[in-house]
């Protein structure tokens, strides 16, 4: 989750003139300049998992994160029989993969399950501990929740710990 550190690592790779870079960018915009510098230096860059706002890369490999959110929303809707109150624990602003997943979930809930209320969405950030804190805050503010969508591994683990601590 540390954009500046990820930029420094890529800059170090450029200086070391590595043969290639495989990168899962933490931010779709912030890493564009350093990725473009790497390609200008003749270092091929493959982007994985989360998109970046430049075409100056060799390849992009990822799942369809928006569709993942759609599938999660449909499962939530089925489990809740189309009714209830749901919160979303997001990852962090700028992460293309999780933003697409979050948007796919929220759009589908609104469109296909209009009687499910999205009561809150909150960033859990990049650690289990920050996600735990965010989920605890959501659970405290909304005592009558029927579901929580946590969009990635760290937010899911933090949310699970919050649910366990509150019984």
Protein backbone atom coordinates (compact mmCIF):
# COMPACT_ATOMS: atom_id res chain seq x y z
CA UNK A 1 0.00 0.00 0.00
CA UNK A 2 3.01 2.34 0.12
CA UNK A 3 2.98 4.13 -3.25
CA UNK A 4 6.18 6.05 -2.61
CA UNK A 5 8.08 2.92 -1.60
CA UNK A 6 6.84 1.08 -4.70
CA UNK A 7 8.04 3.99 -6.87
CA UNK A 8 11.46 3.86 -5.15
CA UNK A 9 11.73 0.12 -5.78
CA UNK A 10 11.00 0.58 -9.50
CA UNK A 11 13.49 3.46 -9.68
CA UNK A 12 16.12 1.21 -8.08
CA UNK A 13 15.36 -1.45 -10.71
CA UNK A 14 15.85 1.13 -13.46
CA UNK A 15 19.24 2.14 -12.05
CA UNK A 16 20.24 -1.53 -11.75
CA UNK A 17 19.12 -2.04 -15.37
CA UNK A 18 17.15 -5.20 -14.63
CA UNK A 19 16.01 -7.29 -17.60
CA UNK A 20 12.31 -6.82 -16.88
CA UNK A 21 9.76 -5.78 -14.27
CA UNK A 22 6.52 -7.45 -13.24
CA UNK A 23 4.42 -4.95 -11.29
CA UNK A 24 1.13 -5.02 -9.41
CA UNK A 25 0.68 -1.24 -9.04
CA UNK A 26 -0.75 0.10 -5.81
CA UNK A 27 -2.07 3.16 -7.63
CA UNK A 28 -3.27 3.39 -11.23
CA UNK A 29 -1.98 6.97 -11.66
CA UNK A 30 0.91 7.51 -9.25
CA UNK A 31 3.09 4.81 -10.83
CA UNK A 32 2.65 5.95 -14.45
CA UNK A 33 5.77 8.18 -14.58
CA UNK A 34 8.10 5.54 -13.18
CA UNK A 35 6.69 2.81 -15.43
CA UNK A 36 7.17 5.08 -18.44
CA UNK A 37 10.75 5.82 -17.33
CA UNK A 38 11.42 2.08 -17.14
CA UNK A 39 10.11 1.51 -20.67
CA UNK A 40 12.12 4.49 -21.94
CA UNK A 41 15.19 2.81 -20.40
CA UNK A 42 14.43 -0.29 -22.48
CA UNK A 43 13.11 -2.36 -19.57
CA UNK A 44 9.93 -4.26 -20.44
CA UNK A 45 7.17 -3.91 -17.84
CA UNK A 46 4.34 -6.38 -17.35
CA UNK A 47 1.43 -5.14 -15.24
CA UNK A 48 -0.50 -7.70 -13.19
CA UNK A 49 -3.62 -7.67 -11.02
CA UNK A 50 -4.37 -3.94 -11.01
CA UNK A 51 -4.40 -1.66 -14.04
CA UNK A 52 -2.31 1.41 -14.70
CA UNK A 53 -3.16 4.45 -16.82
CA UNK A 54 -0.52 4.01 -19.48
CA UNK A 55 -0.22 1.77 -22.52
CA UNK A 56 3.57 1.76 -22.20
CA UNK A 57 3.78 -1.79 -20.96
CA UNK A 58 4.37 -5.18 -22.56
CA UNK A 59 1.27 -6.83 -21.20
CA UNK A 60 -1.52 -6.58 -18.63
CA UNK A 61 -2.77 -9.73 -16.87
CA UNK A 62 -5.65 -9.64 -14.41
CA UNK A 63 -9.01 -11.03 -13.48
CA UNK A 64 -12.19 -9.21 -14.42
CA UNK A 65 -12.52 -7.44 -11.09
CA UNK A 66 -15.74 -5.63 -11.98
CA UNK A 67 -17.34 -8.99 -12.76
CA UNK A 68 -16.01 -10.34 -9.46
CA UNK A 69 -17.92 -7.58 -7.68
CA UNK A 70 -21.03 -8.38 -9.72
CA UNK A 71 -20.81 -12.05 -8.71
CA UNK A 72 -20.33 -11.13 -5.05
CA UNK A 73 -23.37 -8.82 -5.16
CA UNK A 74 -25.54 -11.49 -6.73
CA UNK A 75 -24.47 -13.99 -4.08
CA UNK A 76 -25.16 -11.45 -1.31
CA UNK A 77 -28.55 -10.69 -2.83
CA UNK A 78 -29.43 -14.38 -2.95
CA UNK A 79 -28.27 -15.05 0.61
CA UNK A 80 -30.31 -12.07 1.87
CA UNK A 81 -33.34 -12.92 -0.27
CA UNK A 82 -33.06 -9.47 -1.83
CA UNK A 83 -33.54 -7.54 1.43
CA UNK A 84 -31.38 -6.12 4.17
CA UNK A 85 -28.70 -3.65 5.15
CA UNK A 86 -25.18 -4.06 3.78
CA UNK A 87 -21.87 -2.24 4.31
CA UNK A 88 -18.79 -2.28 2.08
CA UNK A 89 -15.23 -2.30 3.39
CA UNK A 90 -13.14 -0.93 0.51
CA UNK A 91 -9.39 -1.28 0.05
CA UNK A 92 -7.83 2.11 -0.74
CA UNK A 93 -8.34 4.94 -3.20
CA UNK A 94 -6.36 4.57 -6.41
CA UNK A 95 -6.27 0.77 -6.52
CA UNK A 96 -7.79 -0.04 -9.91
CA UNK A 97 -8.51 -3.71 -9.19
CA UNK A 98 -10.35 -3.27 -5.92
CA UNK A 99 -12.14 -0.12 -7.09
CA UNK A 100 -13.53 -2.09 -10.03
CA UNK A 101 -14.58 -4.90 -7.67
CA UNK A 102 -16.21 -2.45 -5.24
CA UNK A 103 -18.02 -0.64 -8.05
CA UNK A 104 -19.24 -3.92 -9.57
CA UNK A 105 -20.66 -4.90 -6.19
CA UNK A 106 -22.34 -1.59 -5.35
CA UNK A 107 -23.74 -1.02 -8.87
CA UNK A 108 -25.23 -4.52 -8.98
CA UNK A 109 -26.78 -4.24 -5.52
CA UNK A 110 -28.40 -0.92 -6.51
CA UNK A 111 -29.61 -2.18 -9.90
CA UNK A 112 -30.66 -5.76 -9.14
CA UNK A 113 -31.55 -5.61 -5.44
CA UNK A 114 -33.22 -2.23 -4.80
CA UNK A 115 -34.52 -3.34 -1.40
CA UNK A 116 -31.00 -3.99 -0.12
CA UNK A 117 -29.74 -0.78 1.46
CA UNK A 118 -26.04 0.08 1.15
CA UNK A 119 -25.66 1.81 4.50
CA UNK A 120 -21.97 2.71 4.35
CA UNK A 121 -18.76 2.20 2.46
CA UNK A 122 -15.46 2.85 4.15
CA UNK A 123 -11.81 2.38 3.25
CA UNK A 124 -10.06 -0.36 5.22
CA UNK A 125 -6.67 0.48 3.68
CA UNK A 126 -3.84 -1.98 3.17
CA UNK A 127 -3.40 -3.83 6.44
CA UNK A 128 -5.55 -6.21 8.43
CA UNK A 129 -5.27 -3.85 11.40
CA UNK A 130 -6.60 -0.79 9.53
CA UNK A 131 -9.38 -2.89 8.01
CA UNK A 132 -10.22 -4.23 11.47
CA UNK A 133 -10.55 -0.68 12.77
CA UNK A 134 -12.73 0.38 9.84
CA UNK A 135 -14.98 -2.67 10.21
CA UNK A 136 -15.30 -2.13 13.96
CA UNK A 137 -16.37 1.47 13.30
CA UNK A 138 -18.96 0.32 10.75
CA UNK A 139 -20.30 -2.35 13.12
CA UNK A 140 -20.56 0.20 15.93
CA UNK A 141 -22.41 2.72 13.72
CA UNK A 142 -24.74 0.14 12.20
CA UNK A 143 -25.90 -2.36 14.80
CA UNK A 144 -28.45 -3.91 12.41
CA UNK A 145 -26.31 -5.10 9.49
CA UNK A 146 -27.25 -8.11 7.42
CA UNK A 147 -24.07 -8.33 5.35
CA UNK A 148 -20.62 -6.88 4.75
CA UNK A 149 -18.71 -7.00 1.48
CA UNK A 150 -14.96 -6.84 2.08
CA UNK A 151 -13.29 -6.44 -1.29
CA UNK A 152 -9.89 -8.12 -0.85
CA UNK A 153 -7.80 -10.32 1.43
CA UNK A 154 -6.71 -7.68 3.97
CA UNK A 155 -10.16 -6.13 4.29
CA UNK A 156 -11.79 -9.57 4.55
CA UNK A 157 -9.41 -10.68 7.31
CA UNK A 158 -9.86 -7.41 9.22
CA UNK A 159 -13.64 -7.59 8.84
CA UNK A 160 -13.69 -11.21 10.03
CA UNK A 161 -11.69 -10.27 13.12
CA UNK A 162 -14.12 -7.41 13.84
CA UNK A 163 -17.09 -9.76 13.51
CA UNK A 164 -15.44 -12.34 15.76
CA UNK A 165 -14.59 -9.74 18.42
CA UNK A 166 -18.20 -8.57 18.50
CA UNK A 167 -19.60 -12.09 18.60
